[in-house]
Amino acid sequence: MISEDVVSEVVAAAVHETWMRSRLAQGWTCGPERNDALKTNPCIVPYEDLPEIEKAYDRETAKAVVRMLRSQGFEINRRSER
């Protein structure tokens, strides 16, 4: 079974990318600060480019999801490469 940290990092990145695509589709852009009127947010960047504090927030959310899935009996396994 894959460690919670590894799975959480993958989930955090995927969730961020989905959030970012949604914001971009709504007309938001990257800007120096969050401004709802101007639709700017400094986190509209690839996950890898986020500040560590923002990644940590996404990781904690992802870890909660992974723990919930495991508590419901789900297993998360990586497919072997062929």
PDB file of N, CA and C in Angstrom:
ATOM      1  N   MET A   1       0.843  -1.180   0.000  1.00  0.00           N
ATOM      2  CA  MET A   1       0.000   0.000   0.000  1.00  0.00           C
ATOM      3  C   MET A   1       0.891   1.248   0.000  1.00  0.00           C
ATOM      4  N   ILE A   2       0.452   2.265  -0.681  1.00  0.00           N
ATOM      5  CA  ILE A   2       1.216   3.505  -0.802  1.00  0.00           C
ATOM      6  C   ILE A   2       1.007   4.349   0.450  1.00  0.00           C
ATOM      7  N   SER A   3       2.037   5.072   0.871  1.00  0.00           N
ATOM      8  CA  SER A   3       1.942   5.885   2.079  1.00  0.00           C
ATOM      9  C   SER A   3       0.954   7.033   1.896  1.00  0.00           C
ATOM     10  N   GLU A   4       0.379   7.448   3.013  1.00  0.00           N
ATOM     11  CA  GLU A   4      -0.573   8.558   3.011  1.00  0.00           C
ATOM     12  C   GLU A   4       0.064   9.824   2.444  1.00  0.00           C
ATOM     13  N   ASP A   5       1.321  10.063   2.770  1.00  0.00           N
ATOM     14  CA  ASP A   5       1.992  11.276   2.285  1.00  0.00           C
ATOM     15  C   ASP A   5       2.111  11.298   0.765  1.00  0.00           C
ATOM     16  N   VAL A   6       2.448  10.164   0.171  1.00  0.00           N
ATOM     17  CA  VAL A   6       2.591  10.100  -1.288  1.00  0.00           C
ATOM     18  C   VAL A   6       1.242  10.323  -1.954  1.00  0.00           C
ATOM     19  N   VAL A   7       0.228   9.618  -1.481  1.00  0.00           N
ATOM     20  CA  VAL A   7      -1.107   9.760  -2.062  1.00  0.00           C
ATOM     21  C   VAL A   7      -1.621  11.179  -1.863  1.00  0.00           C
ATOM     22  N   SER A   8      -1.413  11.731  -0.686  1.00  0.00           N
ATOM     23  CA  SER A   8      -1.905  13.078  -0.392  1.00  0.00           C
ATOM     24  C   SER A   8      -1.265  14.119  -1.292  1.00  0.00           C
ATOM     25  N   GLU A   9       0.005  13.946  -1.602  1.00  0.00           N
ATOM     26  CA  GLU A   9       0.685  14.909  -2.493  1.00  0.00           C
ATOM     27  C   GLU A   9       0.076  14.861  -3.895  1.00  0.00           C
ATOM     28  N   VAL A  10      -0.203  13.661  -4.378  1.00  0.00           N
ATOM     29  CA  VAL A  10      -0.816  13.517  -5.703  1.00  0.00           C
ATOM     30  C   VAL A  10      -2.220  14.119  -5.703  1.00  0.00           C
ATOM     31  N   VAL A  11      -2.993  13.826  -4.666  1.00  0.00           N
ATOM     32  CA  VAL A  11      -4.356  14.352  -4.570  1.00  0.00           C
ATOM     33  C   VAL A  11      -4.323  15.872  -4.438  1.00  0.00           C
ATOM     34  N   ALA A  12      -3.438  16.398  -3.611  1.00  0.00           N
ATOM     35  CA  ALA A  12      -3.345  17.849  -3.428  1.00  0.00           C
ATOM     36  C   ALA A  12      -3.043  18.558  -4.743  1.00  0.00           C
ATOM     37  N   ALA A  13      -2.114  18.011  -5.509  1.00  0.00           N
ATOM     38  CA  ALA A  13      -1.773  18.616  -6.798  1.00  0.00           C
ATOM     39  C   ALA A  13      -2.954  18.566  -7.759  1.00  0.00           C
ATOM     40  N   ALA A  14      -3.658  17.444  -7.791  1.00  0.00           N
ATOM     41  CA  ALA A  14      -4.803  17.304  -8.695  1.00  0.00           C
ATOM     42  C   ALA A  14      -5.933  18.257  -8.312  1.00  0.00           C
ATOM     43  N   VAL A  15      -6.200  18.377  -7.027  1.00  0.00           N
ATOM     44  CA  VAL A  15      -7.252  19.283  -6.565  1.00  0.00           C
ATOM     45  C   VAL A  15      -6.888  20.727  -6.902  1.00  0.00           C
ATOM     46  N   HIS A  16      -5.636  21.087  -6.686  1.00  0.00           N
ATOM     47  CA  HIS A  16      -5.223  22.456  -7.005  1.00  0.00           C
ATOM     48  C   HIS A  16      -5.368  22.739  -8.498  1.00  0.00           C
ATOM     49  N   GLU A  17      -4.934  21.803  -9.314  1.00  0.00           N
ATOM     50  CA  GLU A  17      -5.022  22.011 -10.762  1.00  0.00           C
ATOM     51  C   GLU A  17      -6.486  22.153 -11.201  1.00  0.00           C
ATOM     52  N   THR A  18      -7.375  21.375 -10.604  1.00  0.00           N
ATOM     53  CA  THR A  18      -8.797  21.480 -10.918  1.00  0.00           C
ATOM     54  C   THR A  18      -9.343  22.839 -10.487  1.00  0.00           C
ATOM     55  N   TRP A  19      -8.987  23.264  -9.280  1.00  0.00           N
ATOM     56  CA  TRP A  19      -9.404  24.588  -8.780  1.00  0.00           C
ATOM     57  C   TRP A  19      -8.902  25.679  -9.716  1.00  0.00           C
ATOM     58  N   MET A  20      -7.633  25.588 -10.119  1.00  0.00           N
ATOM     59  CA  MET A  20      -7.034  26.614 -10.968  1.00  0.00           C
ATOM     60  C   MET A  20      -7.734  26.673 -12.331  1.00  0.00           C
ATOM     61  N   ARG A  21      -7.981  25.527 -12.934  1.00  0.00           N
ATOM     62  CA  ARG A  21      -8.678  25.515 -14.234  1.00  0.00           C
ATOM     63  C   ARG A  21     -10.067  26.130 -14.121  1.00  0.00           C
ATOM     64  N   SER A  22     -10.746  25.850 -13.032  1.00  0.00           N
ATOM     65  CA  SER A  22     -12.080  26.416 -12.801  1.00  0.00           C
ATOM     66  C   SER A  22     -12.011  27.938 -12.701  1.00  0.00           C
ATOM     67  N   ARG A  23     -11.054  28.426 -11.938  1.00  0.00           N
ATOM     68  CA  ARG A  23     -10.889  29.882 -11.799  1.00  0.00           C
ATOM     69  C   ARG A  23     -10.558  30.519 -13.144  1.00  0.00           C
ATOM     70  N   LEU A  24      -9.644  29.915 -13.886  1.00  0.00           N
ATOM     71  CA  LEU A  24      -9.277  30.465 -15.196  1.00  0.00           C
ATOM     72  C   LEU A  24     -10.491  30.514 -16.127  1.00  0.00           C
ATOM     73  N   ALA A  25     -11.324  29.488 -16.083  1.00  0.00           N
ATOM     74  CA  ALA A  25     -12.527  29.453 -16.913  1.00  0.00           C
ATOM     75  C   ALA A  25     -13.516  30.551 -16.518  1.00  0.00           C
ATOM     76  N   GLN A  26     -13.448  30.982 -15.265  1.00  0.00           N
ATOM     77  CA  GLN A  26     -14.318  32.049 -14.774  1.00  0.00           C
ATOM     78  C   GLN A  26     -13.718  33.438 -15.007  1.00  0.00           C
ATOM     79  N   GLY A  27     -12.563  33.488 -15.653  1.00  0.00           N
ATOM     80  CA  GLY A  27     -11.951  34.768 -15.978  1.00  0.00           C
ATOM     81  C   GLY A  27     -10.934  35.281 -14.975  1.00  0.00           C
ATOM     82  N   TRP A  28     -10.570  34.462 -13.995  1.00  0.00           N
ATOM     83  CA  TRP A  28      -9.562  34.866 -13.016  1.00  0.00           C
ATOM     84  C   TRP A  28      -8.174  34.788 -13.644  1.00  0.00           C
ATOM     85  N   THR A  29      -7.265  35.580 -13.094  1.00  0.00           N
ATOM     86  CA  THR A  29      -5.869  35.551 -13.520  1.00  0.00           C
ATOM     87  C   THR A  29      -4.977  35.582 -12.292  1.00  0.00           C
ATOM     88  N   CYS A  30      -3.716  35.285 -12.507  1.00  0.00           N
ATOM     89  CA  CYS A  30      -2.742  35.379 -11.432  1.00  0.00           C
ATOM     90  C   CYS A  30      -2.456  36.854 -11.180  1.00  0.00           C
ATOM     91  N   GLY A  31      -2.431  37.233  -9.933  1.00  0.00           N
ATOM     92  CA  GLY A  31      -2.121  38.611  -9.565  1.00  0.00           C
ATOM     93  C   GLY A  31      -1.399  38.640  -8.242  1.00  0.00           C
ATOM     94  N   PRO A  32      -0.889  39.788  -7.851  1.00  0.00           N
ATOM     95  CA  PRO A  32      -0.071  39.873  -6.640  1.00  0.00           C
ATOM     96  C   PRO A  32      -0.842  39.591  -5.351  1.00  0.00           C
ATOM     97  N   GLU A  33      -2.156  39.778  -5.380  1.00  0.00           N
ATOM     98  CA  GLU A  33      -2.974  39.496  -4.200  1.00  0.00           C
ATOM     99  C   GLU A  33      -4.371  39.087  -4.651  1.00  0.00           C
ATOM    100  N   ARG A  34      -5.080  38.426  -3.736  1.00  0.00           N
ATOM    101  CA  ARG A  34      -6.454  38.049  -4.076  1.00  0.00           C
ATOM    102  C   ARG A  34      -7.308  39.317  -4.103  1.00  0.00           C
ATOM    103  N   ASN A  35      -8.020  39.465  -5.199  1.00  0.00           N
ATOM    104  CA  ASN A  35      -8.917  40.592  -5.359  1.00  0.00           C
ATOM    105  C   ASN A  35     -10.136  40.072  -6.108  1.00  0.00           C
ATOM    106  N   ASP A  36     -11.229  39.893  -5.370  1.00  0.00           N
ATOM    107  CA  ASP A  36     -12.431  39.319  -5.976  1.00  0.00           C
ATOM    108  C   ASP A  36     -13.011  40.213  -7.068  1.00  0.00           C
ATOM    109  N   ALA A  37     -12.929  41.516  -6.904  1.00  0.00           N
ATOM    110  CA  ALA A  37     -13.474  42.438  -7.905  1.00  0.00           C
ATOM    111  C   ALA A  37     -12.694  42.344  -9.220  1.00  0.00           C
ATOM    112  N   LEU A  38     -11.377  42.235  -9.108  1.00  0.00           N
ATOM    113  CA  LEU A  38     -10.529  42.151 -10.303  1.00  0.00           C
ATOM    114  C   LEU A  38     -10.299  40.708 -10.756  1.00  0.00           C
ATOM    115  N   LYS A  39     -10.777  39.766  -9.955  1.00  0.00           N
ATOM    116  CA  LYS A  39     -10.585  38.340 -10.229  1.00  0.00           C
ATOM    117  C   LYS A  39      -9.102  37.990 -10.381  1.00  0.00           C
ATOM    118  N   THR A  40      -8.332  38.381  -9.373  1.00  0.00           N
ATOM    119  CA  THR A  40      -6.918  38.003  -9.351  1.00  0.00           C
ATOM    120  C   THR A  40      -6.636  37.201  -8.082  1.00  0.00           C
ATOM    121  N   ASN A  41      -5.687  36.289  -8.200  1.00  0.00           N
ATOM    122  CA  ASN A  41      -5.286  35.466  -7.071  1.00  0.00           C
ATOM    123  C   ASN A  41      -3.855  34.992  -7.321  1.00  0.00           C
ATOM    124  N   PRO A  42      -2.961  35.162  -6.344  1.00  0.00           N
ATOM    125  CA  PRO A  42      -1.568  34.750  -6.548  1.00  0.00           C
ATOM    126  C   PRO A  42      -1.380  33.232  -6.614  1.00  0.00           C
ATOM    127  N   CYS A  43      -2.411  32.465  -6.282  1.00  0.00           N
ATOM    128  CA  CYS A  43      -2.294  31.002  -6.300  1.00  0.00           C
ATOM    129  C   CYS A  43      -2.696  30.392  -7.637  1.00  0.00           C
ATOM    130  N   ILE A  44      -2.983  31.230  -8.624  1.00  0.00           N
ATOM    131  CA  ILE A  44      -3.308  30.697  -9.945  1.00  0.00           C
ATOM    132  C   ILE A  44      -1.994  30.454 -10.681  1.00  0.00           C
ATOM    133  N   VAL A  45      -1.309  29.433 -10.199  1.00  0.00           N
ATOM    134  CA  VAL A  45      -0.031  28.981 -10.754  1.00  0.00           C
ATOM    135  C   VAL A  45      -0.022  27.462 -10.631  1.00  0.00           C
ATOM    136  N   PRO A  46       0.839  26.773 -11.371  1.00  0.00           N
ATOM    137  CA  PRO A  46       0.936  25.314 -11.193  1.00  0.00           C
ATOM    138  C   PRO A  46       1.259  24.965  -9.739  1.00  0.00           C
ATOM    139  N   TYR A  47       0.786  23.809  -9.303  1.00  0.00           N
ATOM    140  CA  TYR A  47       0.991  23.361  -7.923  1.00  0.00           C
ATOM    141  C   TYR A  47       2.456  23.470  -7.503  1.00  0.00           C
ATOM    142  N   GLU A  48       3.352  23.076  -8.396  1.00  0.00           N
ATOM    143  CA  GLU A  48       4.781  23.084  -8.077  1.00  0.00           C
ATOM    144  C   GLU A  48       5.284  24.487  -7.738  1.00  0.00           C
ATOM    145  N   ASP A  49       4.612  25.510  -8.251  1.00  0.00           N
ATOM    146  CA  ASP A  49       5.042  26.895  -8.043  1.00  0.00           C
ATOM    147  C   ASP A  49       4.360  27.572  -6.859  1.00  0.00           C
ATOM    148  N   LEU A  50       3.455  26.871  -6.187  1.00  0.00           N
ATOM    149  CA  LEU A  50       2.786  27.458  -5.029  1.00  0.00           C
ATOM    150  C   LEU A  50       3.768  27.664  -3.885  1.00  0.00           C
ATOM    151  N   PRO A  51       3.536  28.671  -3.063  1.00  0.00           N
ATOM    152  CA  PRO A  51       4.331  28.794  -1.829  1.00  0.00           C
ATOM    153  C   PRO A  51       4.060  27.576  -0.937  1.00  0.00           C
ATOM    154  N   GLU A  52       5.024  27.201  -0.151  1.00  0.00           N
ATOM    155  CA  GLU A  52       4.916  26.008   0.688  1.00  0.00           C
ATOM    156  C   GLU A  52       3.698  26.069   1.610  1.00  0.00           C
ATOM    157  N   ILE A  53       3.350  27.239   2.113  1.00  0.00           N
ATOM    158  CA  ILE A  53       2.196  27.349   3.012  1.00  0.00           C
ATOM    159  C   ILE A  53       0.895  26.987   2.304  1.00  0.00           C
ATOM    160  N   GLU A  54       0.789  27.305   1.031  1.00  0.00           N
ATOM    161  CA  GLU A  54      -0.403  26.946   0.254  1.00  0.00           C
ATOM    162  C   GLU A  54      -0.412  25.454  -0.047  1.00  0.00           C
ATOM    163  N   LYS A  55       0.744  24.896  -0.357  1.00  0.00           N
ATOM    164  CA  LYS A  55       0.825  23.448  -0.576  1.00  0.00           C
ATOM    165  C   LYS A  55       0.427  22.701   0.696  1.00  0.00           C
ATOM    166  N   ALA A  56       0.873  23.202   1.848  1.00  0.00           N
ATOM    167  CA  ALA A  56       0.558  22.555   3.128  1.00  0.00           C
ATOM    168  C   ALA A  56      -0.949  22.533   3.364  1.00  0.00           C
ATOM    169  N   TYR A  57      -1.627  23.611   3.017  1.00  0.00           N
ATOM    170  CA  TYR A  57      -3.081  23.669   3.158  1.00  0.00           C
ATOM    171  C   TYR A  57      -3.728  22.603   2.272  1.00  0.00           C
ATOM    172  N   ASP A  58      -3.297  22.518   1.013  1.00  0.00           N
ATOM    173  CA  ASP A  58      -3.837  21.521   0.090  1.00  0.00           C
ATOM    174  C   ASP A  58      -3.532  20.107   0.571  1.00  0.00           C
ATOM    175  N   ARG A  59      -2.333  19.889   1.122  1.00  0.00           N
ATOM    176  CA  ARG A  59      -1.966  18.558   1.622  1.00  0.00           C
ATOM    177  C   ARG A  59      -2.847  18.130   2.782  1.00  0.00           C
ATOM    178  N   GLU A  60      -3.127  19.045   3.691  1.00  0.00           N
ATOM    179  CA  GLU A  60      -3.964  18.701   4.847  1.00  0.00           C
ATOM    180  C   GLU A  60      -5.367  18.314   4.404  1.00  0.00           C
ATOM    181  N   THR A  61      -5.909  19.028   3.443  1.00  0.00           N
ATOM    182  CA  THR A  61      -7.220  18.680   2.897  1.00  0.00           C
ATOM    183  C   THR A  61      -7.156  17.309   2.244  1.00  0.00           C
ATOM    184  N   ALA A  62      -6.128  17.070   1.442  1.00  0.00           N
ATOM    185  CA  ALA A  62      -5.972  15.785   0.759  1.00  0.00           C
ATOM    186  C   ALA A  62      -5.802  14.654   1.768  1.00  0.00           C
ATOM    187  N   LYS A  63      -5.029  14.863   2.832  1.00  0.00           N
ATOM    188  CA  LYS A  63      -4.830  13.823   3.847  1.00  0.00           C
ATOM    189  C   LYS A  63      -6.143  13.449   4.510  1.00  0.00           C
ATOM    190  N   ALA A  64      -7.006  14.439   4.748  1.00  0.00           N
ATOM    191  CA  ALA A  64      -8.309  14.158   5.355  1.00  0.00           C
ATOM    192  C   ALA A  64      -9.141  13.276   4.429  1.00  0.00           C
ATOM    193  N   VAL A  65      -9.085  13.530   3.141  1.00  0.00           N
ATOM    194  CA  VAL A  65      -9.826  12.721   2.174  1.00  0.00           C
ATOM    195  C   VAL A  65      -9.270  11.297   2.143  1.00  0.00           C
ATOM    196  N   VAL A  66      -7.950  11.164   2.105  1.00  0.00           N
ATOM    197  CA  VAL A  66      -7.326   9.839   2.063  1.00  0.00           C
ATOM    198  C   VAL A  66      -7.669   9.050   3.327  1.00  0.00           C
ATOM    199  N   ARG A  67      -7.609   9.704   4.483  1.00  0.00           N
ATOM    200  CA  ARG A  67      -7.951   9.010   5.738  1.00  0.00           C
ATOM    201  C   ARG A  67      -9.416   8.559   5.729  1.00  0.00           C
ATOM    202  N   MET A  68     -10.306   9.415   5.231  1.00  0.00           N
ATOM    203  CA  MET A  68     -11.721   9.068   5.176  1.00  0.00           C
ATOM    204  C   MET A  68     -11.941   7.864   4.255  1.00  0.00           C
ATOM    205  N   LEU A  69     -11.293   7.876   3.087  1.00  0.00           N
ATOM    206  CA  LEU A  69     -11.433   6.752   2.163  1.00  0.00           C
ATOM    207  C   LEU A  69     -10.953   5.457   2.801  1.00  0.00           C
ATOM    208  N   ARG A  70      -9.803   5.509   3.454  1.00  0.00           N
ATOM    209  CA  ARG A  70      -9.268   4.303   4.094  1.00  0.00           C
ATOM    210  C   ARG A  70     -10.161   3.840   5.235  1.00  0.00           C
ATOM    211  N   SER A  71     -10.747   4.795   5.975  1.00  0.00           N
ATOM    212  CA  SER A  71     -11.630   4.414   7.081  1.00  0.00           C
ATOM    213  C   SER A  71     -12.904   3.737   6.579  1.00  0.00           C
ATOM    214  N   GLN A  72     -13.243   3.964   5.324  1.00  0.00           N
ATOM    215  CA  GLN A  72     -14.413   3.346   4.708  1.00  0.00           C
ATOM    216  C   GLN A  72     -14.069   2.031   4.010  1.00  0.00           C
ATOM    217  N   GLY A  73     -12.812   1.603   4.160  1.00  0.00           N
ATOM    218  CA  GLY A  73     -12.407   0.312   3.626  1.00  0.00           C
ATOM    219  C   GLY A  73     -11.764   0.349   2.256  1.00  0.00           C
ATOM    220  N   PHE A  74     -11.551   1.531   1.713  1.00  0.00           N
ATOM    221  CA  PHE A  74     -10.905   1.624   0.412  1.00  0.00           C
ATOM    222  C   PHE A  74      -9.406   1.443   0.567  1.00  0.00           C
ATOM    223  N   GLU A  75      -8.791   0.828  -0.434  1.00  0.00           N
ATOM    224  CA  GLU A  75      -7.336   0.706  -0.483  1.00  0.00           C
ATOM    225  C   GLU A  75      -6.845   1.471  -1.693  1.00  0.00           C
ATOM    226  N   ILE A  76      -5.707   2.097  -1.549  1.00  0.00           N
ATOM    227  CA  ILE A  76      -5.124   2.848  -2.657  1.00  0.00           C
ATOM    228  C   ILE A  76      -3.805   2.176  -3.008  1.00  0.00           C
ATOM    229  N   ASN A  77      -3.757   1.658  -4.228  1.00  0.00           N
ATOM    230  CA  ASN A  77      -2.566   0.955  -4.698  1.00  0.00           C
ATOM    231  C   ASN A  77      -2.128   1.543  -6.027  1.00  0.00           C
ATOM    232  N   ARG A  78      -0.844   1.526  -6.259  1.00  0.00           N
ATOM    233  CA  ARG A  78      -0.296   1.988  -7.541  1.00  0.00           C
ATOM    234  C   ARG A  78      -0.246   0.807  -8.482  1.00  0.00           C
ATOM    235  N   ARG A  79      -0.707   1.042  -9.709  1.00  0.00           N
ATOM    236  CA  ARG A  79      -0.605  -0.012 -10.717  1.00  0.00           C
ATOM    237  C   ARG A  79       0.837  -0.250 -11.056  1.00  0.00           C
ATOM    238  N   SER A  80       1.195  -1.516 -11.252  1.00  0.00           N
ATOM    239  CA  SER A  80       2.573  -1.789 -11.649  1.00  0.00           C
ATOM    240  C   SER A  80       2.754  -1.378 -13.115  1.00  0.00           C
ATOM    241  N   GLU A  81       3.953  -0.903 -13.389  1.00  0.00           N
ATOM    242  CA  GLU A  81       4.245  -0.503 -14.763  1.00  0.00           C
ATOM    243  C   GLU A  81       4.393  -1.765 -15.602  1.00  0.00           C
ATOM    244  N   ARG A  82       3.926  -1.675 -16.808  1.00  0.00           N
ATOM    245  CA  ARG A  82       3.985  -2.838 -17.707  1.00  0.00           C
ATOM    246  C   ARG A  82       5.148  -2.721 -18.628  1.00  0.00           C
TER     247      ARG A  82
END
